[in-house]
């Protein structure tokens, strides 16, 4: 099991967990959830007290990753399998990601 803390505008929003290659969850942090001024991180991941689950890596997070030639170079430099989206997102810790989302491994 691997976990990533997800931040929206530098505010801790929730936890992304890979239970297996066929089971992922995203759960909003309670403090983030109860604050009405903080938006959902995505239309496909609305604010909810229950965990969002998926059999595939969430498309919202996949869309934050490099694509095409940049993906190949990034994966080669980081020694990551091009199909390991969780590791790719984790490797973006401290780097510029599209939009207002950042990740931290601990």
PDB file of N, CA and C in Angstrom:
ATOM      1  N   UNK A   1       0.853  -1.170   0.000  1.00  0.00           N
ATOM      2  CA  UNK A   1       0.000   0.000   0.000  1.00  0.00           C
ATOM      3  C   UNK A   1       0.899   1.232   0.000  1.00  0.00           C
ATOM      4  N   UNK A   2       0.553   2.172  -0.892  1.00  0.00           N
ATOM      5  CA  UNK A   2       1.300   3.432  -0.968  1.00  0.00           C
ATOM      6  C   UNK A   2       0.319   4.587  -0.811  1.00  0.00           C
ATOM      7  N   UNK A   3       0.808   5.696  -0.230  1.00  0.00           N
ATOM      8  CA  UNK A   3      -0.054   6.841   0.015  1.00  0.00           C
ATOM      9  C   UNK A   3       0.640   8.132  -0.414  1.00  0.00           C
ATOM     10  N   UNK A   4      -0.174   9.076  -0.871  1.00  0.00           N
ATOM     11  CA  UNK A   4       0.283  10.422  -1.212  1.00  0.00           C
ATOM     12  C   UNK A   4      -0.663  11.430  -0.593  1.00  0.00           C
ATOM     13  N   UNK A   5      -0.101  12.441   0.049  1.00  0.00           N
ATOM     14  CA  UNK A   5      -0.918  13.546   0.539  1.00  0.00           C
ATOM     15  C   UNK A   5      -1.148  14.501  -0.624  1.00  0.00           C
ATOM     16  N   UNK A   6      -2.403  14.881  -0.813  1.00  0.00           N
ATOM     17  CA  UNK A   6      -2.781  15.765  -1.911  1.00  0.00           C
ATOM     18  C   UNK A   6      -3.116  17.137  -1.334  1.00  0.00           C
ATOM     19  N   UNK A   7      -2.514  18.164  -1.922  1.00  0.00           N
ATOM     20  CA  UNK A   7      -2.733  19.540  -1.493  1.00  0.00           C
ATOM     21  C   UNK A   7      -3.374  20.329  -2.626  1.00  0.00           C
ATOM     22  N   UNK A   8      -4.291  21.204  -2.262  1.00  0.00           N
ATOM     23  CA  UNK A   8      -4.942  22.100  -3.217  1.00  0.00           C
ATOM     24  C   UNK A   8      -4.646  23.525  -2.750  1.00  0.00           C
ATOM     25  N   UNK A   9      -3.986  24.294  -3.585  1.00  0.00           N
ATOM     26  CA  UNK A   9      -3.551  25.645  -3.203  1.00  0.00           C
ATOM     27  C   UNK A   9      -2.762  25.612  -1.894  1.00  0.00           C
ATOM     28  N   UNK A  10      -1.904  24.612  -1.756  1.00  0.00           N
ATOM     29  CA  UNK A  10      -1.010  24.429  -0.599  1.00  0.00           C
ATOM     30  C   UNK A  10      -1.749  24.105   0.702  1.00  0.00           C
ATOM     31  N   UNK A  11      -3.011  23.719   0.606  1.00  0.00           N
ATOM     32  CA  UNK A  11      -3.802  23.305   1.767  1.00  0.00           C
ATOM     33  C   UNK A  11      -4.038  21.806   1.640  1.00  0.00           C
ATOM     34  N   UNK A  12      -3.758  21.068   2.719  1.00  0.00           N
ATOM     35  CA  UNK A  12      -3.938  19.618   2.688  1.00  0.00           C
ATOM     36  C   UNK A  12      -5.403  19.285   2.413  1.00  0.00           C
ATOM     37  N   UNK A  13      -5.645  18.596   1.295  1.00  0.00           N
ATOM     38  CA  UNK A  13      -7.008  18.272   0.876  1.00  0.00           C
ATOM     39  C   UNK A  13      -7.401  16.838   1.192  1.00  0.00           C
ATOM     40  N   UNK A  14      -6.462  15.908   1.085  1.00  0.00           N
ATOM     41  CA  UNK A  14      -6.823  14.522   1.343  1.00  0.00           C
ATOM     42  C   UNK A  14      -5.710  13.557   1.009  1.00  0.00           C
ATOM     43  N   UNK A  15      -6.046  12.279   1.103  1.00  0.00           N
ATOM     44  CA  UNK A  15      -5.068  11.204   0.950  1.00  0.00           C
ATOM     45  C   UNK A  15      -5.440  10.307  -0.229  1.00  0.00           C
ATOM     46  N   UNK A  16      -4.477  10.145  -1.121  1.00  0.00           N
ATOM     47  CA  UNK A  16      -4.622   9.220  -2.240  1.00  0.00           C
ATOM     48  C   UNK A  16      -3.885   7.942  -1.865  1.00  0.00           C
ATOM     49  N   UNK A  17      -4.575   6.810  -1.949  1.00  0.00           N
ATOM     50  CA  UNK A  17      -3.989   5.532  -1.548  1.00  0.00           C
ATOM     51  C   UNK A  17      -4.084   4.528  -2.688  1.00  0.00           C
ATOM     52  N   UNK A  18      -2.966   3.845  -2.920  1.00  0.00           N
ATOM     53  CA  UNK A  18      -2.947   2.720  -3.854  1.00  0.00           C
ATOM     54  C   UNK A  18      -2.921   1.458  -3.000  1.00  0.00           C
ATOM     55  N   UNK A  19      -4.028   0.741  -2.983  1.00  0.00           N
ATOM     56  CA  UNK A  19      -4.104  -0.512  -2.234  1.00  0.00           C
ATOM     57  C   UNK A  19      -3.515  -1.650  -3.059  1.00  0.00           C
ATOM     58  N   UNK A  20      -3.742  -1.586  -4.373  1.00  0.00           N
ATOM     59  CA  UNK A  20      -3.191  -2.531  -5.336  1.00  0.00           C
ATOM     60  C   UNK A  20      -3.289  -1.855  -6.699  1.00  0.00           C
ATOM     61  N   UNK A  21      -2.805  -2.514  -7.727  1.00  0.00           N
ATOM     62  CA  UNK A  21      -2.884  -1.935  -9.081  1.00  0.00           C
ATOM     63  C   UNK A  21      -4.322  -1.893  -9.599  1.00  0.00           C
ATOM     64  N   UNK A  22      -5.254  -2.486  -8.863  1.00  0.00           N
ATOM     65  CA  UNK A  22      -6.661  -2.467  -9.247  1.00  0.00           C
ATOM     66  C   UNK A  22      -7.549  -1.814  -8.191  1.00  0.00           C
ATOM     67  N   UNK A  23      -6.941  -1.143  -7.194  1.00  0.00           N
ATOM     68  CA  UNK A  23      -7.767  -0.505  -6.176  1.00  0.00           C
ATOM     69  C   UNK A  23      -7.095   0.759  -5.646  1.00  0.00           C
ATOM     70  N   UNK A  24      -7.768   1.874  -5.894  1.00  0.00           N
ATOM     71  CA  UNK A  24      -7.293   3.184  -5.452  1.00  0.00           C
ATOM     72  C   UNK A  24      -8.411   3.877  -4.685  1.00  0.00           C
ATOM     73  N   UNK A  25      -8.024   4.661  -3.678  1.00  0.00           N
ATOM     74  CA  UNK A  25      -9.014   5.472  -2.966  1.00  0.00           C
ATOM     75  C   UNK A  25      -8.476   6.889  -2.810  1.00  0.00           C
ATOM     76  N   UNK A  26      -9.399   7.830  -2.804  1.00  0.00           N
ATOM     77  CA  UNK A  26      -9.079   9.203  -2.418  1.00  0.00           C
ATOM     78  C   UNK A  26     -10.088   9.599  -1.361  1.00  0.00           C
ATOM     79  N   UNK A  27      -9.590  10.099  -0.239  1.00  0.00           N
ATOM     80  CA  UNK A  27     -10.449  10.505   0.860  1.00  0.00           C
ATOM     81  C   UNK A  27     -10.087  11.922   1.282  1.00  0.00           C
ATOM     82  N   UNK A  28     -11.087  12.797   1.308  1.00  0.00           N
ATOM     83  CA  UNK A  28     -10.853  14.161   1.751  1.00  0.00           C
ATOM     84  C   UNK A  28     -10.527  14.190   3.237  1.00  0.00           C
ATOM     85  N   UNK A  29      -9.620  15.074   3.611  1.00  0.00           N
ATOM     86  CA  UNK A  29      -9.325  15.340   5.011  1.00  0.00           C
ATOM     87  C   UNK A  29     -10.560  15.963   5.652  1.00  0.00           C
ATOM     88  N   UNK A  30     -10.860  15.600   6.892  1.00  0.00           N
ATOM     89  CA  UNK A  30     -12.047  16.125   7.575  1.00  0.00           C
ATOM     90  C   UNK A  30     -12.055  17.650   7.643  1.00  0.00           C
ATOM     91  N   UNK A  31     -10.910  18.249   7.973  1.00  0.00           N
ATOM     92  CA  UNK A  31     -10.830  19.705   8.060  1.00  0.00           C
ATOM     93  C   UNK A  31     -11.092  20.370   6.728  1.00  0.00           C
ATOM     94  N   UNK A  32     -10.591  19.771   5.661  1.00  0.00           N
ATOM     95  CA  UNK A  32     -10.815  20.318   4.320  1.00  0.00           C
ATOM     96  C   UNK A  32     -12.288  20.162   3.945  1.00  0.00           C
ATOM     97  N   UNK A  33     -12.828  18.993   4.252  1.00  0.00           N
ATOM     98  CA  UNK A  33     -14.216  18.698   3.890  1.00  0.00           C
ATOM     99  C   UNK A  33     -15.206  19.660   4.546  1.00  0.00           C
ATOM    100  N   UNK A  34     -15.013  19.955   5.829  1.00  0.00           N
ATOM    101  CA  UNK A  34     -16.013  20.772   6.535  1.00  0.00           C
ATOM    102  C   UNK A  34     -15.896  22.263   6.247  1.00  0.00           C
ATOM    103  N   UNK A  35     -14.812  22.680   5.607  1.00  0.00           N
ATOM    104  CA  UNK A  35     -14.635  24.101   5.294  1.00  0.00           C
ATOM    105  C   UNK A  35     -15.355  24.419   3.980  1.00  0.00           C
ATOM    106  N   UNK A  36     -16.479  25.144   4.033  1.00  0.00           N
ATOM    107  CA  UNK A  36     -17.248  25.409   2.816  1.00  0.00           C
ATOM    108  C   UNK A  36     -16.542  26.326   1.822  1.00  0.00           C
ATOM    109  N   UNK A  37     -15.507  27.020   2.254  1.00  0.00           N
ATOM    110  CA  UNK A  37     -14.805  27.916   1.334  1.00  0.00           C
ATOM    111  C   UNK A  37     -13.762  27.180   0.488  1.00  0.00           C
ATOM    112  N   UNK A  38     -13.486  25.919   0.816  1.00  0.00           N
ATOM    113  CA  UNK A  38     -12.502  25.142   0.060  1.00  0.00           C
ATOM    114  C   UNK A  38     -13.212  24.289  -0.984  1.00  0.00           C
ATOM    115  N   UNK A  39     -12.788  24.400  -2.247  1.00  0.00           N
ATOM    116  CA  UNK A  39     -13.474  23.678  -3.321  1.00  0.00           C
ATOM    117  C   UNK A  39     -13.055  22.214  -3.405  1.00  0.00           C
ATOM    118  N   UNK A  40     -13.853  21.430  -4.084  1.00  0.00           N
ATOM    119  CA  UNK A  40     -13.448  20.063  -4.426  1.00  0.00           C
ATOM    120  C   UNK A  40     -12.208  20.164  -5.312  1.00  0.00           C
ATOM    121  N   UNK A  41     -11.343  19.192  -5.234  1.00  0.00           N
ATOM    122  CA  UNK A  41     -10.134  19.259  -6.059  1.00  0.00           C
ATOM    123  C   UNK A  41     -10.446  19.015  -7.528  1.00  0.00           C
ATOM    124  N   UNK A  42     -11.592  18.397  -7.793  1.00  0.00           N
ATOM    125  CA  UNK A  42     -11.985  18.072  -9.162  1.00  0.00           C
ATOM    126  C   UNK A  42     -13.495  17.850  -9.219  1.00  0.00           C
ATOM    127  N   UNK A  43     -14.075  18.105 -10.375  1.00  0.00           N
ATOM    128  CA  UNK A  43     -15.500  17.802 -10.553  1.00  0.00           C
ATOM    129  C   UNK A  43     -15.759  16.304 -10.445  1.00  0.00           C
ATOM    130  N   UNK A  44     -14.757  15.506 -10.802  1.00  0.00           N
ATOM    131  CA  UNK A  44     -14.920  14.051 -10.741  1.00  0.00           C
ATOM    132  C   UNK A  44     -14.636  13.487  -9.355  1.00  0.00           C
ATOM    133  N   UNK A  45     -14.145  14.343  -8.442  1.00  0.00           N
ATOM    134  CA  UNK A  45     -13.908  13.943  -7.051  1.00  0.00           C
ATOM    135  C   UNK A  45     -14.581  14.967  -6.139  1.00  0.00           C
ATOM    136  N   UNK A  46     -15.916  14.979  -6.136  1.00  0.00           N
ATOM    137  CA  UNK A  46     -16.627  15.974  -5.324  1.00  0.00           C
ATOM    138  C   UNK A  46     -16.367  15.769  -3.839  1.00  0.00           C
ATOM    139  N   UNK A  47     -16.488  16.859  -3.087  1.00  0.00           N
ATOM    140  CA  UNK A  47     -16.284  16.765  -1.642  1.00  0.00           C
ATOM    141  C   UNK A  47     -17.329  15.825  -1.046  1.00  0.00           C
ATOM    142  N   UNK A  48     -16.833  14.841  -0.309  1.00  0.00           N
ATOM    143  CA  UNK A  48     -17.693  13.815   0.271  1.00  0.00           C
ATOM    144  C   UNK A  48     -16.989  13.250   1.492  1.00  0.00           C
ATOM    145  N   UNK A  49     -17.759  12.845   2.492  1.00  0.00           N
ATOM    146  CA  UNK A  49     -17.157  12.227   3.669  1.00  0.00           C
ATOM    147  C   UNK A  49     -16.745  10.788   3.399  1.00  0.00           C
ATOM    148  N   UNK A  50     -17.308  10.181   2.385  1.00  0.00           N
ATOM    149  CA  UNK A  50     -16.913   8.815   2.071  1.00  0.00           C
ATOM    150  C   UNK A  50     -15.743   8.832   1.085  1.00  0.00           C
ATOM    151  N   UNK A  51     -15.007   7.762   1.056  1.00  0.00           N
ATOM    152  CA  UNK A  51     -13.874   7.645   0.148  1.00  0.00           C
ATOM    153  C   UNK A  51     -14.355   7.437  -1.278  1.00  0.00           C
ATOM    154  N   UNK A  52     -13.633   8.025  -2.210  1.00  0.00           N
ATOM    155  CA  UNK A  52     -13.849   7.754  -3.626  1.00  0.00           C
ATOM    156  C   UNK A  52     -12.975   6.549  -3.956  1.00  0.00           C
ATOM    157  N   UNK A  53     -13.533   5.569  -4.631  1.00  0.00           N
ATOM    158  CA  UNK A  53     -12.768   4.376  -4.979  1.00  0.00           C
ATOM    159  C   UNK A  53     -12.779   4.176  -6.488  1.00  0.00           C
ATOM    160  N   UNK A  54     -11.732   3.524  -6.967  1.00  0.00           N
ATOM    161  CA  UNK A  54     -11.622   3.253  -8.395  1.00  0.00           C
ATOM    162  C   UNK A  54     -10.786   1.999  -8.606  1.00  0.00           C
ATOM    163  N   UNK A  55     -11.095   1.280  -9.660  1.00  0.00           N
ATOM    164  CA  UNK A  55     -10.303   0.104 -10.039  1.00  0.00           C
ATOM    165  C   UNK A  55      -9.107   0.508 -10.898  1.00  0.00           C
ATOM    166  N   UNK A  56      -9.071   1.786 -11.293  1.00  0.00           N
ATOM    167  CA  UNK A  56      -7.987   2.331 -12.118  1.00  0.00           C
ATOM    168  C   UNK A  56      -7.486   3.606 -11.446  1.00  0.00           C
ATOM    169  N   UNK A  57      -6.271   3.999 -11.804  1.00  0.00           N
ATOM    170  CA  UNK A  57      -5.753   5.255 -11.286  1.00  0.00           C
ATOM    171  C   UNK A  57      -6.701   6.370 -11.723  1.00  0.00           C
ATOM    172  N   UNK A  58      -7.098   7.221 -10.783  1.00  0.00           N
ATOM    173  CA  UNK A  58      -8.091   8.254 -11.082  1.00  0.00           C
ATOM    174  C   UNK A  58      -7.650   9.117 -12.271  1.00  0.00           C
ATOM    175  N   UNK A  59      -8.523   9.289 -13.273  1.00  0.00           N
ATOM    176  CA  UNK A  59      -8.170  10.115 -14.437  1.00  0.00           C
ATOM    177  C   UNK A  59      -7.727  11.527 -14.059  1.00  0.00           C
ATOM    178  N   UNK A  60      -8.327  12.109 -13.020  1.00  0.00           N
ATOM    179  CA  UNK A  60      -7.918  13.454 -12.604  1.00  0.00           C
ATOM    180  C   UNK A  60      -6.423  13.502 -12.314  1.00  0.00           C
ATOM    181  N   UNK A  61      -5.901  12.503 -11.606  1.00  0.00           N
ATOM    182  CA  UNK A  61      -4.486  12.485 -11.264  1.00  0.00           C
ATOM    183  C   UNK A  61      -3.627  12.107 -12.468  1.00  0.00           C
ATOM    184  N   UNK A  62      -4.139  11.234 -13.333  1.00  0.00           N
ATOM    185  CA  UNK A  62      -3.418  10.882 -14.554  1.00  0.00           C
ATOM    186  C   UNK A  62      -3.190  12.117 -15.416  1.00  0.00           C
ATOM    187  N   UNK A  63      -4.169  13.006 -15.455  1.00  0.00           N
ATOM    188  CA  UNK A  63      -4.063  14.217 -16.279  1.00  0.00           C
ATOM    189  C   UNK A  63      -3.023  15.207 -15.758  1.00  0.00           C
ATOM    190  N   UNK A  64      -2.509  15.004 -14.551  1.00  0.00           N
ATOM    191  CA  UNK A  64      -1.466  15.869 -14.010  1.00  0.00           C
ATOM    192  C   UNK A  64      -0.072  15.418 -14.440  1.00  0.00           C
ATOM    193  N   UNK A  65       0.017  14.242 -15.035  1.00  0.00           N
ATOM    194  CA  UNK A  65       1.309  13.633 -15.369  1.00  0.00           C
ATOM    195  C   UNK A  65       1.814  14.066 -16.738  1.00  0.00           C
ATOM    196  N   UNK A  66       3.138  13.982 -16.941  1.00  0.00           N
ATOM    197  CA  UNK A  66       3.694  14.277 -18.265  1.00  0.00           C
ATOM    198  C   UNK A  66       3.143  13.309 -19.300  1.00  0.00           C
ATOM    199  N   UNK A  67       3.129  13.762 -20.546  1.00  0.00           N
ATOM    200  CA  UNK A  67       2.619  12.937 -21.643  1.00  0.00           C
ATOM    201  C   UNK A  67       3.643  12.848 -22.763  1.00  0.00           C
ATOM    202  N   UNK A  68       3.438  11.872 -23.635  1.00  0.00           N
ATOM    203  CA  UNK A  68       4.240  11.738 -24.849  1.00  0.00           C
ATOM    204  C   UNK A  68       5.721  11.605 -24.584  1.00  0.00           C
ATOM    205  N   UNK A  69       6.510  12.385 -25.342  1.00  0.00           N
ATOM    206  CA  UNK A  69       7.969  12.333 -25.226  1.00  0.00           C
ATOM    207  C   UNK A  69       8.419  12.760 -23.832  1.00  0.00           C
ATOM    208  N   UNK A  70       7.744  13.744 -23.255  1.00  0.00           N
ATOM    209  CA  UNK A  70       8.106  14.190 -21.902  1.00  0.00           C
ATOM    210  C   UNK A  70       7.927  13.062 -20.889  1.00  0.00           C
ATOM    211  N   UNK A  71       6.879  12.271 -21.056  1.00  0.00           N
ATOM    212  CA  UNK A  71       6.636  11.140 -20.161  1.00  0.00           C
ATOM    213  C   UNK A  71       7.763  10.121 -20.281  1.00  0.00           C
ATOM    214  N   UNK A  72       8.167   9.815 -21.503  1.00  0.00           N
ATOM    215  CA  UNK A  72       9.246   8.846 -21.719  1.00  0.00           C
ATOM    216  C   UNK A  72      10.547   9.313 -21.065  1.00  0.00           C
ATOM    217  N   UNK A  73      10.881  10.574 -21.261  1.00  0.00           N
ATOM    218  CA  UNK A  73      12.106  11.125 -20.679  1.00  0.00           C
ATOM    219  C   UNK A  73      12.015  11.135 -19.156  1.00  0.00           C
ATOM    220  N   UNK A  74      10.890  11.610 -18.627  1.00  0.00           N
ATOM    221  CA  UNK A  74      10.671  11.677 -17.183  1.00  0.00           C
ATOM    222  C   UNK A  74      10.817  10.290 -16.554  1.00  0.00           C
ATOM    223  N   UNK A  75      10.171   9.302 -17.142  1.00  0.00           N
ATOM    224  CA  UNK A  75      10.219   7.939 -16.596  1.00  0.00           C
ATOM    225  C   UNK A  75      11.621   7.352 -16.689  1.00  0.00           C
ATOM    226  N   UNK A  76      12.307   7.630 -17.775  1.00  0.00           N
ATOM    227  CA  UNK A  76      13.667   7.120 -17.916  1.00  0.00           C
ATOM    228  C   UNK A  76      14.587   7.763 -16.874  1.00  0.00           C
ATOM    229  N   UNK A  77      14.481   9.079 -16.700  1.00  0.00           N
ATOM    230  CA  UNK A  77      15.325   9.772 -15.725  1.00  0.00           C
ATOM    231  C   UNK A  77      15.021   9.336 -14.287  1.00  0.00           C
ATOM    232  N   UNK A  78      13.752   9.091 -13.991  1.00  0.00           N
ATOM    233  CA  UNK A  78      13.340   8.693 -12.630  1.00  0.00           C
ATOM    234  C   UNK A  78      13.347   7.185 -12.428  1.00  0.00           C
ATOM    235  N   UNK A  79      13.647   6.437 -13.501  1.00  0.00           N
ATOM    236  CA  UNK A  79      13.658   4.962 -13.455  1.00  0.00           C
ATOM    237  C   UNK A  79      12.312   4.414 -12.986  1.00  0.00           C
ATOM    238  N   UNK A  80      11.252   4.893 -13.672  1.00  0.00           N
ATOM    239  CA  UNK A  80       9.877   4.496 -13.358  1.00  0.00           C
ATOM    240  C   UNK A  80       9.266   3.834 -14.585  1.00  0.00           C
ATOM    241  N   UNK A  81       8.536   2.772 -14.375  1.00  0.00           N
ATOM    242  CA  UNK A  81       7.788   2.132 -15.449  1.00  0.00           C
ATOM    243  C   UNK A  81       6.724   3.108 -15.944  1.00  0.00           C
ATOM    244  N   UNK A  82       6.578   3.243 -17.246  1.00  0.00           N
ATOM    245  CA  UNK A  82       5.626   4.195 -17.834  1.00  0.00           C
ATOM    246  C   UNK A  82       4.169   3.888 -17.491  1.00  0.00           C
ATOM    247  N   UNK A  83       3.876   2.712 -16.995  1.00  0.00           N
ATOM    248  CA  UNK A  83       2.513   2.350 -16.604  1.00  0.00           C
ATOM    249  C   UNK A  83       2.266   2.545 -15.098  1.00  0.00           C
ATOM    250  N   UNK A  84       3.294   2.925 -14.368  1.00  0.00           N
ATOM    251  CA  UNK A  84       3.182   3.103 -12.914  1.00  0.00           C
ATOM    252  C   UNK A  84       2.838   4.563 -12.604  1.00  0.00           C
ATOM    253  N   UNK A  85       1.575   4.900 -12.756  1.00  0.00           N
ATOM    254  CA  UNK A  85       1.123   6.279 -12.592  1.00  0.00           C
ATOM    255  C   UNK A  85       1.297   6.785 -11.165  1.00  0.00           C
ATOM    256  N   UNK A  86       1.116   5.927 -10.194  1.00  0.00           N
ATOM    257  CA  UNK A  86       1.275   6.341  -8.804  1.00  0.00           C
ATOM    258  C   UNK A  86       2.717   6.785  -8.544  1.00  0.00           C
ATOM    259  N   UNK A  87       3.682   6.012  -9.017  1.00  0.00           N
ATOM    260  CA  UNK A  87       5.093   6.385  -8.848  1.00  0.00           C
ATOM    261  C   UNK A  87       5.424   7.664  -9.588  1.00  0.00           C
ATOM    262  N   UNK A  88       4.837   7.842 -10.767  1.00  0.00           N
ATOM    263  CA  UNK A  88       5.085   9.073 -11.514  1.00  0.00           C
ATOM    264  C   UNK A  88       4.552  10.278 -10.755  1.00  0.00           C
ATOM    265  N   UNK A  89       3.333  10.180 -10.207  1.00  0.00           N
ATOM    266  CA  UNK A  89       2.774  11.286  -9.434  1.00  0.00           C
ATOM    267  C   UNK A  89       3.625  11.541  -8.189  1.00  0.00           C
ATOM    268  N   UNK A  90       4.061  10.492  -7.548  1.00  0.00           N
ATOM    269  CA  UNK A  90       4.915  10.616  -6.369  1.00  0.00           C
ATOM    270  C   UNK A  90       6.231  11.321  -6.708  1.00  0.00           C
ATOM    271  N   UNK A  91       6.789  11.019  -7.873  1.00  0.00           N
ATOM    272  CA  UNK A  91       8.053  11.626  -8.301  1.00  0.00           C
ATOM    273  C   UNK A  91       7.905  13.119  -8.590  1.00  0.00           C
ATOM    274  N   UNK A  92       6.684  13.588  -8.723  1.00  0.00           N
ATOM    275  CA  UNK A  92       6.451  15.015  -8.974  1.00  0.00           C
ATOM    276  C   UNK A  92       6.423  15.842  -7.688  1.00  0.00           C
ATOM    277  N   UNK A  93       6.663  15.194  -6.552  1.00  0.00           N
ATOM    278  CA  UNK A  93       6.712  15.927  -5.284  1.00  0.00           C
ATOM    279  C   UNK A  93       7.752  17.047  -5.381  1.00  0.00           C
ATOM    280  N   UNK A  94       7.338  18.250  -5.023  1.00  0.00           N
ATOM    281  CA  UNK A  94       8.238  19.399  -5.048  1.00  0.00           C
ATOM    282  C   UNK A  94       8.475  19.980  -6.422  1.00  0.00           C
ATOM    283  N   UNK A  95       7.805  19.431  -7.419  1.00  0.00           N
ATOM    284  CA  UNK A  95       7.965  19.936  -8.784  1.00  0.00           C
ATOM    285  C   UNK A  95       6.682  20.644  -9.224  1.00  0.00           C
ATOM    286  N   UNK A  96       6.781  21.400 -10.287  1.00  0.00           N
ATOM    287  CA  UNK A  96       5.643  22.147 -10.809  1.00  0.00           C
ATOM    288  C   UNK A  96       4.665  21.197 -11.493  1.00  0.00           C
ATOM    289  N   UNK A  97       3.451  21.155 -10.980  1.00  0.00           N
ATOM    290  CA  UNK A  97       2.390  20.333 -11.560  1.00  0.00           C
ATOM    291  C   UNK A  97       1.343  21.282 -12.142  1.00  0.00           C
ATOM    292  N   UNK A  98       0.686  20.861 -13.183  1.00  0.00           N
ATOM    293  CA  UNK A  98      -0.363  21.670 -13.801  1.00  0.00           C
ATOM    294  C   UNK A  98      -1.439  21.989 -12.772  1.00  0.00           C
ATOM    295  N   UNK A  99      -1.894  23.223 -12.742  1.00  0.00           N
ATOM    296  CA  UNK A  99      -2.989  23.599 -11.871  1.00  0.00           C
ATOM    297  C   UNK A  99      -2.554  23.897 -10.449  1.00  0.00           C
ATOM    298  N   UNK A 100      -3.466  23.716  -9.522  1.00  0.00           N
ATOM    299  CA  UNK A 100      -3.243  24.099  -8.121  1.00  0.00           C
ATOM    300  C   UNK A 100      -3.000  22.908  -7.210  1.00  0.00           C
ATOM    301  N   UNK A 101      -2.681  21.758  -7.770  1.00  0.00           N
ATOM    302  CA  UNK A 101      -2.480  20.527  -6.993  1.00  0.00           C
ATOM    303  C   UNK A 101      -0.999  20.280  -6.780  1.00  0.00           C
ATOM    304  N   UNK A 102      -0.635  19.913  -5.555  1.00  0.00           N
ATOM    305  CA  UNK A 102       0.723  19.457  -5.235  1.00  0.00           C
ATOM    306  C   UNK A 102       0.605  18.175  -4.418  1.00  0.00           C
ATOM    307  N   UNK A 103       1.696  17.418  -4.393  1.00  0.00           N
ATOM    308  CA  UNK A 103       1.687  16.148  -3.665  1.00  0.00           C
ATOM    309  C   UNK A 103       2.883  16.081  -2.730  1.00  0.00           C
ATOM    310  N   UNK A 104       2.715  15.310  -1.652  1.00  0.00           N
ATOM    311  CA  UNK A 104       3.801  15.034  -0.720  1.00  0.00           C
ATOM    312  C   UNK A 104       3.706  13.573  -0.312  1.00  0.00           C
ATOM    313  N   UNK A 105       4.877  12.953  -0.187  1.00  0.00           N
ATOM    314  CA  UNK A 105       4.894  11.547   0.174  1.00  0.00           C
ATOM    315  C   UNK A 105       4.804  11.331   1.670  1.00  0.00           C
ATOM    316  N   UNK A 106       5.132  12.331   2.468  1.00  0.00           N
ATOM    317  CA  UNK A 106       5.013  12.194   3.934  1.00  0.00           C
ATOM    318  C   UNK A 106       4.758  13.516   4.577  1.00  0.00           C
TER     319      UNK A 106
END
